[in-house]
Amino acid sequence: MKFRTLLLALVIAGGFIWVTTTRKWDPPSFFRTSSRAAGPMWSEPSVARGAGLGADELNNIDIYKTAHIGTVNISSTVYRRGWFGQIIPEPGTGSGFLIDAEGRILTNHHVVSGRAPEVVVTLADKTRYKAQILVRDPSNDLALIKIQPKGKVNYLRLGDSDSLQVGQKVLAIGNPFGLDGTLTTGIISSLGRQLTDENGRTLEGMVQTDAAINPGNSGGPLLDSQGNVIGINTAIYGPGGNIGLGFAMPVNRAKNMLEDFQAGRKFGRPWLGVTVLPVFGDLAELLELPKEGGLLIQDVGEGTAADQAGLRGARRFVIVGNTEVGIGGDLIMELDGQRVDRGDALTRALNRKRPGDPLNVTIYRGGRRTTVKVALGERPEERF
């Protein structure tokens, strides 16, 4: 009996040794335990972190590194009289950007508007300065302010807003909701937009962009892909936050203000004194006008430059589709020899002028073309 037991034990031990030395043993499932993976539990690029950035990303980064240090935060306190005669301080915030080494800053008029505002500018390095308001242009919602920097400051280059095209890339930098140094990107969605601000002023020739613009972005720079300022972020569509409809004042409008200020001239906005309706293609032919169309004058203001030059407005009104159109007035086809081929052509032409400058207006009247020379007037001063 002992011999059988010993023999059985030897057979079992020999079998175990043979199995474990000649093949990998796969234990039954109830003996298996989960094992940790040898590597990390996530996947990652095979190249070093930070590499592999695309050309557009690198462009964004380079522009931001340079431009954000020239963008400033502007806080203003305006003192207003309350219902019971008491003086109430109302704080506001916005953005701006340095344009020279002397500490001059472009921003929106509405950022620093109000009676006797106290304006404080905070630079990217968090240094704070009290600012002086040098000039305001409420009709274009622009203002120039100045600080006295204690050291060297970084400033931005002004580009050319007359050469902008729909679809080109733009970048906006500002302080939305007090979040300083915020960068957003997008494209130019449209040009020559017209909108009315909260004070009832009409802002013409605006650049529309889908780059996110929010409260606090006002006055900040809109940049092209070279880092040049091509607009001053001014407004958003509606009272809330960004919905992809932002508007910027073209920078060339600010250049006019800067040139007049530097020359010591009284800043005024040139004014022709007409309201116009863009009429092109089929609509022009329907109204028995040249197919290439132009700007059909609807109304001429009494005593304005247009009135003095003999330009004519509509004689009667007709309904075309869902639109009331004044007909019988002059059709503006050229301005200073340039064909009118877009709705904002008059605004663009006036942006290159000053009050008193001549403007050659080629019109279609009574079946023929004629050119009228107009001495531009000055737009009536608006209260602010």
Protein backbone atom coordinates (compact mmCIF):
# COMPACT_ATOMS: atom_id res chain seq x y z
CA MET A 1 0.00 0.00 0.00
CA LYS A 2 2.79 2.37 0.89
CA PHE A 3 4.56 1.41 -2.33
CA ARG A 4 1.47 2.27 -4.45
CA THR A 5 1.04 5.59 -2.74
CA LEU A 6 4.74 6.45 -3.30
CA LEU A 7 4.52 5.40 -6.97
CA LEU A 8 1.39 7.56 -7.54
CA ALA A 9 3.11 10.56 -5.97
CA LEU A 10 6.16 10.13 -8.23
CA VAL A 11 3.95 9.93 -11.34
CA ILE A 12 2.06 13.14 -10.43
CA ALA A 13 5.29 15.02 -9.64
CA GLY A 14 6.92 13.85 -12.87
CA GLY A 15 3.90 14.97 -14.91
CA PHE A 16 3.92 18.39 -13.29
CA ILE A 17 7.65 18.82 -14.03
CA TRP A 18 7.12 17.80 -17.67
CA VAL A 19 4.23 20.20 -18.21
CA THR A 20 5.96 23.23 -16.67
CA THR A 21 9.26 22.66 -18.51
CA THR A 22 7.98 21.82 -22.01
CA ARG A 23 5.03 24.32 -22.54
CA LYS A 24 3.63 27.52 -21.13
CA TRP A 25 0.96 26.75 -18.60
CA ASP A 26 -2.33 28.53 -19.06
CA PRO A 27 -4.16 28.31 -15.77
CA PRO A 28 -7.93 27.89 -15.66
CA SER A 29 -9.93 31.11 -15.78
CA PHE A 30 -10.81 30.93 -12.10
CA PHE A 31 -7.06 31.02 -11.25
CA ARG A 32 -6.38 34.11 -13.48
CA THR A 33 -5.86 37.58 -12.02
CA SER A 34 -5.86 40.93 -13.89
CA SER A 35 -2.38 42.26 -14.57
CA ARG A 36 -1.28 45.91 -15.03
CA ALA A 37 -0.17 46.96 -18.50
CA ALA A 38 3.54 47.44 -18.89
CA GLY A 39 3.12 50.93 -20.46
CA PRO A 40 0.92 53.94 -19.63
CA MET A 41 -2.85 53.72 -19.77
CA TRP A 42 -3.03 56.48 -22.45
CA SER A 43 -1.66 57.06 -25.90
CA GLU A 44 0.56 60.01 -26.79
CA PRO A 45 2.48 61.38 -29.79
CA SER A 46 5.71 59.65 -30.65
CA VAL A 47 7.43 63.05 -30.96
CA ALA A 48 8.29 65.45 -28.19
CA ARG A 49 5.48 67.50 -26.68
CA GLY A 50 5.19 71.04 -28.13
CA ALA A 51 6.37 69.97 -31.59
CA GLY A 52 4.15 69.46 -34.60
CA LEU A 53 2.35 72.82 -34.44
CA GLY A 54 0.84 73.88 -37.75
CA ALA A 55 1.85 77.01 -39.62
CA ASP A 56 -1.40 78.77 -38.70
CA GLU A 57 -0.95 77.93 -35.01
CA LEU A 58 2.60 79.25 -35.04
CA ASN A 59 1.37 82.43 -36.73
CA ASN A 60 -1.25 82.91 -33.99
CA ILE A 61 1.34 82.36 -31.27
CA ASP A 62 3.88 84.77 -32.80
CA ILE A 63 1.31 87.52 -33.24
CA TYR A 64 -0.04 87.11 -29.72
CA LYS A 65 3.43 87.23 -28.14
CA THR A 66 4.05 90.59 -29.81
CA ALA A 67 0.60 92.16 -29.80
CA HIS A 68 -0.77 91.34 -26.38
CA ILE A 69 1.94 93.36 -24.63
CA GLY A 70 0.86 96.41 -26.63
CA THR A 71 -2.81 95.91 -25.71
CA VAL A 72 -4.05 97.61 -22.55
CA ASN A 73 -6.96 97.43 -20.15
CA ILE A 74 -8.89 100.66 -19.68
CA SER A 75 -11.11 101.34 -16.71
CA SER A 76 -13.07 104.54 -16.44
CA THR A 77 -15.23 106.02 -13.72
CA VAL A 78 -17.89 108.44 -14.88
CA TYR A 79 -19.69 110.59 -12.31
CA ARG A 80 -23.39 110.99 -13.01
CA ARG A 81 -26.20 112.69 -11.12
CA GLY A 82 -28.80 110.38 -9.60
CA TRP A 83 -32.55 110.79 -9.24
CA PHE A 84 -32.20 112.80 -6.04
CA GLY A 85 -29.29 114.97 -7.18
CA GLN A 86 -26.57 112.85 -5.62
CA ILE A 87 -23.35 112.15 -7.55
CA ILE A 88 -23.00 108.46 -8.45
CA PRO A 89 -19.75 106.95 -9.81
CA GLU A 90 -20.29 104.47 -12.64
CA PRO A 91 -17.30 102.24 -13.42
CA GLY A 92 -16.69 100.83 -16.90
CA THR A 93 -14.03 98.72 -18.57
CA GLY A 94 -12.70 98.29 -22.07
CA SER A 95 -9.54 97.80 -24.08
CA GLY A 96 -7.11 99.87 -26.11
CA PHE A 97 -3.68 99.61 -27.70
CA LEU A 98 -0.50 101.67 -27.73
CA ILE A 99 0.40 103.29 -31.06
CA ASP A 100 3.75 104.92 -30.21
CA ALA A 101 6.57 105.03 -27.68
CA GLU A 102 5.18 108.24 -26.16
CA GLY A 103 2.25 106.38 -24.59
CA ARG A 104 -0.58 107.34 -26.94
CA ILE A 105 -3.42 104.84 -27.00
CA LEU A 106 -6.30 104.29 -29.44
CA THR A 107 -9.63 103.09 -28.08
CA ASN A 108 -13.37 103.56 -28.56
CA HIS A 109 -15.06 106.80 -27.66
CA HIS A 110 -17.70 104.97 -25.64
CA VAL A 111 -14.99 103.41 -23.43
CA VAL A 112 -13.97 106.87 -22.15
CA SER A 113 -17.16 108.87 -22.75
CA GLY A 114 -19.09 110.72 -20.11
CA ARG A 115 -18.77 113.79 -17.97
CA ALA A 116 -15.30 114.24 -16.42
CA PRO A 117 -14.29 110.56 -16.55
CA GLU A 118 -11.33 109.27 -14.59
CA VAL A 119 -9.44 106.95 -16.92
CA VAL A 120 -6.92 104.38 -15.66
CA VAL A 121 -4.81 102.28 -18.03
CA THR A 122 -3.28 98.95 -17.00
CA LEU A 123 -0.46 97.61 -19.16
CA ALA A 124 0.28 93.94 -19.78
CA ASP A 125 2.95 94.01 -17.01
CA LYS A 126 0.23 95.22 -14.58
CA THR A 127 1.62 98.74 -14.18
CA ARG A 128 -1.16 101.32 -13.86
CA TYR A 129 -1.31 104.89 -15.13
CA LYS A 130 -3.82 107.69 -15.12
CA ALA A 131 -4.62 108.71 -18.69
CA GLN A 132 -5.43 112.02 -20.34
CA ILE A 133 -8.05 112.22 -23.09
CA LEU A 134 -6.49 113.98 -26.09
CA VAL A 135 -9.24 113.86 -28.70
CA ARG A 136 -12.62 112.21 -29.24
CA ASP A 137 -14.47 111.37 -32.43
CA PRO A 138 -17.94 110.23 -31.34
CA SER A 139 -19.25 109.94 -34.91
CA ASN A 140 -16.73 107.14 -35.53
CA ASP A 141 -16.68 105.95 -31.89
CA LEU A 142 -12.95 106.65 -31.61
CA ALA A 143 -10.77 108.31 -28.98
CA LEU A 144 -7.09 108.99 -28.41
CA ILE A 145 -5.76 108.98 -24.85
CA LYS A 146 -2.25 109.27 -23.42
CA ILE A 147 -0.25 108.01 -20.45
CA GLN A 148 3.20 109.08 -19.23
CA PRO A 149 5.12 105.76 -19.25
CA LYS A 150 8.03 105.43 -16.85
CA GLY A 151 9.95 103.17 -19.20
CA LYS A 152 9.90 101.63 -22.65
CA VAL A 153 6.51 100.47 -23.91
CA ASN A 154 5.58 98.14 -26.73
CA TYR A 155 3.25 99.51 -29.39
CA LEU A 156 1.42 98.13 -32.42
CA ARG A 157 1.71 98.95 -36.13
CA LEU A 158 -1.29 100.37 -37.99
CA GLY A 159 -2.14 98.53 -41.21
CA ASP A 160 -4.35 99.42 -44.18
CA SER A 161 -8.08 98.78 -43.90
CA ASP A 162 -8.87 99.84 -47.50
CA SER A 163 -7.34 96.63 -48.88
CA LEU A 164 -9.28 94.19 -46.68
CA GLN A 165 -11.07 91.23 -48.25
CA VAL A 166 -13.87 89.01 -47.03
CA GLY A 167 -12.46 85.68 -45.91
CA GLN A 168 -9.05 86.86 -44.72
CA LYS A 169 -7.88 85.82 -41.28
CA VAL A 170 -8.10 88.23 -38.35
CA LEU A 171 -7.20 88.09 -34.66
CA ALA A 172 -8.78 90.08 -31.82
CA ILE A 173 -7.09 90.84 -28.50
CA GLY A 174 -8.82 92.45 -25.55
CA ASN A 175 -10.20 92.10 -22.05
CA PRO A 176 -13.66 90.53 -22.36
CA PHE A 177 -15.47 90.44 -19.01
CA GLY A 178 -12.22 91.59 -17.39
CA LEU A 179 -10.25 88.57 -18.63
CA ASP A 180 -7.15 90.45 -19.74
CA GLY A 181 -5.02 89.36 -22.67
CA THR A 182 -7.67 87.20 -24.34
CA LEU A 183 -7.01 86.14 -27.96
CA THR A 184 -9.72 85.09 -30.39
CA THR A 185 -9.41 84.34 -34.09
CA GLY A 186 -11.69 84.31 -37.10
CA ILE A 187 -12.18 85.81 -40.52
CA ILE A 188 -13.61 88.97 -42.02
CA SER A 189 -17.25 88.09 -42.61
CA SER A 190 -18.26 91.21 -44.50
CA LEU A 191 -17.25 94.81 -45.20
CA GLY A 192 -19.06 98.13 -45.27
CA ARG A 193 -21.62 97.28 -42.62
CA GLN A 194 -23.77 100.01 -41.09
CA LEU A 195 -25.17 99.84 -37.57
CA THR A 196 -26.63 102.14 -34.96
CA ASP A 197 -25.03 102.41 -31.52
CA GLU A 198 -26.86 102.71 -28.20
CA ASN A 199 -26.89 106.52 -28.49
CA GLY A 200 -28.56 106.45 -31.90
CA ARG A 201 -25.44 107.33 -33.90
CA THR A 202 -24.94 105.58 -37.22
CA LEU A 203 -21.56 103.89 -37.58
CA GLU A 204 -20.73 103.39 -41.24
CA GLY A 205 -18.28 101.21 -43.15
CA MET A 206 -17.77 98.73 -40.31
CA VAL A 207 -15.76 95.52 -40.63
CA GLN A 208 -17.82 92.46 -39.67
CA THR A 209 -15.96 89.50 -38.16
CA ASP A 210 -16.78 86.17 -36.54
CA ALA A 211 -13.77 86.45 -34.19
CA ALA A 212 -15.36 86.36 -30.74
CA ILE A 213 -15.89 89.89 -29.41
CA ASN A 214 -17.55 90.39 -26.03
CA PRO A 215 -18.15 93.23 -23.56
CA GLY A 216 -14.70 94.48 -22.54
CA ASN A 217 -13.20 93.88 -26.00
CA SER A 218 -14.28 97.37 -27.07
CA GLY A 219 -11.31 99.48 -28.15
CA GLY A 220 -8.96 96.53 -28.59
CA PRO A 221 -7.10 95.77 -31.82
CA LEU A 222 -8.31 93.65 -34.72
CA LEU A 223 -5.16 92.34 -36.39
CA ASP A 224 -4.30 90.79 -39.74
CA SER A 225 -2.04 87.75 -40.18
CA GLN A 226 1.01 90.04 -40.22
CA GLY A 227 0.17 91.47 -36.81
CA ASN A 228 -0.90 94.87 -38.18
CA VAL A 229 -3.94 96.62 -36.71
CA ILE A 230 -6.66 96.81 -39.34
CA GLY A 231 -9.59 97.69 -37.07
CA ILE A 232 -10.69 98.79 -33.61
CA ASN A 233 -13.14 96.32 -32.05
CA THR A 234 -16.28 98.32 -31.42
CA ALA A 235 -19.56 96.44 -31.12
CA ILE A 236 -21.34 93.11 -30.98
CA TYR A 237 -24.74 92.25 -32.36
CA GLY A 238 -27.32 92.32 -29.58
CA PRO A 239 -26.97 93.14 -25.88
CA GLY A 240 -25.52 89.81 -24.73
CA GLY A 241 -22.31 87.94 -25.45
CA ASN A 242 -20.73 86.84 -28.70
CA ILE A 243 -22.87 85.10 -31.30
CA GLY A 244 -20.36 85.34 -34.14
CA LEU A 245 -21.32 88.87 -35.19
CA GLY A 246 -18.70 91.41 -34.16
CA PHE A 247 -17.91 94.79 -35.69
CA ALA A 248 -14.73 96.84 -35.86
CA MET A 249 -14.10 100.40 -36.99
CA PRO A 250 -11.61 100.38 -39.92
CA VAL A 251 -8.21 101.64 -38.78
CA ASN A 252 -7.92 104.11 -41.67
CA ARG A 253 -10.76 106.04 -40.07
CA ALA A 254 -8.56 106.42 -36.98
CA LYS A 255 -5.60 107.51 -39.13
CA ASN A 256 -7.61 110.51 -40.34
CA MET A 257 -8.29 111.52 -36.74
CA LEU A 258 -4.61 111.09 -35.83
CA GLU A 259 -3.41 113.16 -38.80
CA ASP A 260 -5.75 116.03 -37.97
CA PHE A 261 -4.76 115.93 -34.30
CA GLN A 262 -1.06 115.91 -35.15
CA ALA A 263 -1.49 118.86 -37.53
CA GLY A 264 -3.49 120.80 -34.97
CA ARG A 265 -6.58 120.89 -37.19
CA LYS A 266 -10.08 120.80 -35.80
CA PHE A 267 -11.29 117.29 -36.42
CA GLY A 268 -14.43 117.11 -38.50
CA ARG A 269 -16.13 114.44 -40.55
CA PRO A 270 -16.76 115.23 -44.24
CA TRP A 271 -20.37 115.18 -45.30
CA LEU A 272 -22.07 115.09 -48.67
CA GLY A 273 -25.58 115.28 -47.25
CA VAL A 274 -27.41 112.53 -49.15
CA THR A 275 -29.06 109.24 -48.38
CA VAL A 276 -28.56 106.60 -51.06
CA LEU A 277 -29.79 103.16 -52.04
CA PRO A 278 -27.43 100.66 -53.76
CA VAL A 279 -28.98 99.68 -57.11
CA PHE A 280 -27.23 97.13 -59.35
CA GLY A 281 -27.99 94.53 -62.02
CA ASP A 282 -31.61 93.48 -62.51
CA LEU A 283 -32.94 96.09 -60.10
CA ALA A 284 -31.16 98.85 -62.02
CA GLU A 285 -32.60 97.61 -65.32
CA LEU A 286 -36.07 97.34 -63.79
CA LEU A 287 -35.82 101.01 -62.84
CA GLU A 288 -34.64 101.84 -66.40
CA LEU A 289 -31.14 102.72 -65.23
CA PRO A 290 -27.76 101.52 -66.58
CA LYS A 291 -27.25 97.85 -65.67
CA GLU A 292 -23.89 98.54 -63.98
CA GLY A 293 -25.90 100.54 -61.49
CA GLY A 294 -24.64 102.70 -58.64
CA LEU A 295 -26.02 104.61 -55.66
CA LEU A 296 -29.48 106.00 -56.28
CA ILE A 297 -30.00 109.23 -54.31
CA GLN A 298 -33.10 109.03 -52.15
CA ASP A 299 -32.88 112.32 -50.30
CA VAL A 300 -30.77 115.49 -50.34
CA GLY A 301 -30.44 117.46 -47.12
CA GLU A 302 -31.38 121.12 -47.35
CA GLY A 303 -28.35 123.38 -47.34
CA THR A 304 -25.86 120.52 -47.56
CA ALA A 305 -22.93 120.25 -49.95
CA ALA A 306 -25.01 118.02 -52.24
CA ASP A 307 -27.86 120.53 -52.22
CA GLN A 308 -25.53 123.42 -53.06
CA ALA A 309 -24.03 121.40 -55.94
CA GLY A 310 -27.48 120.74 -57.40
CA LEU A 311 -27.74 116.98 -56.78
CA ARG A 312 -31.30 115.69 -56.87
CA GLY A 313 -33.18 113.24 -54.70
CA ALA A 314 -36.22 111.05 -55.38
CA ARG A 315 -39.29 112.56 -57.02
CA ARG A 316 -41.66 109.73 -56.14
CA PHE A 317 -41.66 106.31 -54.52
CA VAL A 318 -42.55 102.87 -55.86
CA ILE A 319 -42.70 99.40 -54.29
CA VAL A 320 -40.24 96.90 -55.76
CA GLY A 321 -40.70 93.48 -54.18
CA ASN A 322 -40.83 94.25 -50.46
CA THR A 323 -38.82 97.48 -50.71
CA GLU A 324 -39.94 101.07 -51.15
CA VAL A 325 -37.62 102.75 -53.66
CA GLY A 326 -37.41 106.46 -54.34
CA ILE A 327 -37.02 107.08 -58.08
CA GLY A 328 -36.37 110.12 -60.24
CA GLY A 329 -33.21 111.17 -58.38
CA ASP A 330 -29.60 111.11 -59.56
CA LEU A 331 -27.73 107.80 -59.82
CA ILE A 332 -24.14 108.15 -58.53
CA MET A 333 -21.96 105.99 -60.82
CA GLU A 334 -18.42 107.25 -60.12
CA LEU A 335 -16.64 109.06 -57.28
CA ASP A 336 -13.38 110.81 -58.17
CA GLY A 337 -13.25 108.69 -61.32
CA GLN A 338 -13.65 105.39 -59.49
CA ARG A 339 -16.60 103.24 -60.49
CA VAL A 340 -19.20 102.70 -57.78
CA ASP A 341 -19.50 98.92 -57.55
CA ARG A 342 -20.44 98.35 -53.90
CA GLY A 343 -22.87 99.75 -51.38
CA ASP A 344 -20.27 101.42 -49.17
CA ALA A 345 -18.48 103.24 -52.01
CA LEU A 346 -19.56 106.69 -50.81
CA THR A 347 -18.42 105.99 -47.25
CA ARG A 348 -15.06 104.74 -48.51
CA ALA A 349 -14.62 107.84 -50.68
CA LEU A 350 -15.48 110.20 -47.80
CA ASN A 351 -13.04 108.39 -45.50
CA ARG A 352 -10.22 109.76 -47.67
CA LYS A 353 -11.51 113.32 -47.47
CA ARG A 354 -11.78 116.21 -45.06
CA PRO A 355 -14.39 118.96 -44.83
CA GLY A 356 -13.84 121.45 -47.64
CA ASP A 357 -12.16 118.93 -49.95
CA PRO A 358 -13.56 118.55 -53.50
CA LEU A 359 -15.35 115.38 -54.58
CA ASN A 360 -16.06 114.68 -58.27
CA VAL A 361 -19.44 112.93 -58.49
CA THR A 362 -20.38 111.34 -61.81
CA ILE A 363 -24.14 110.93 -62.03
CA TYR A 364 -26.69 109.52 -64.46
CA ARG A 365 -29.57 111.94 -65.04
CA GLY A 366 -32.10 112.20 -67.86
CA GLY A 367 -30.46 109.49 -69.96
CA ARG A 368 -26.91 110.87 -69.88
CA ARG A 369 -23.91 111.07 -67.60
CA THR A 370 -22.44 114.22 -66.16
CA THR A 371 -19.82 115.02 -63.53
CA VAL A 372 -20.54 117.45 -60.71
CA LYS A 373 -17.78 118.90 -58.52
CA VAL A 374 -18.85 119.12 -54.87
CA ALA A 375 -17.09 120.96 -52.04
CA LEU A 376 -17.70 118.67 -49.07
CA GLY A 377 -19.27 120.05 -45.94
CA GLU A 378 -18.77 119.03 -42.32
CA ARG A 379 -21.11 116.66 -40.60
CA PRO A 380 -23.09 118.42 -37.86
CA GLU A 381 -21.41 117.97 -34.51
CA GLU A 382 -22.96 115.24 -32.38
CA ARG A 383 -23.32 115.55 -28.63
CA PHE A 384 -21.47 113.15 -26.35
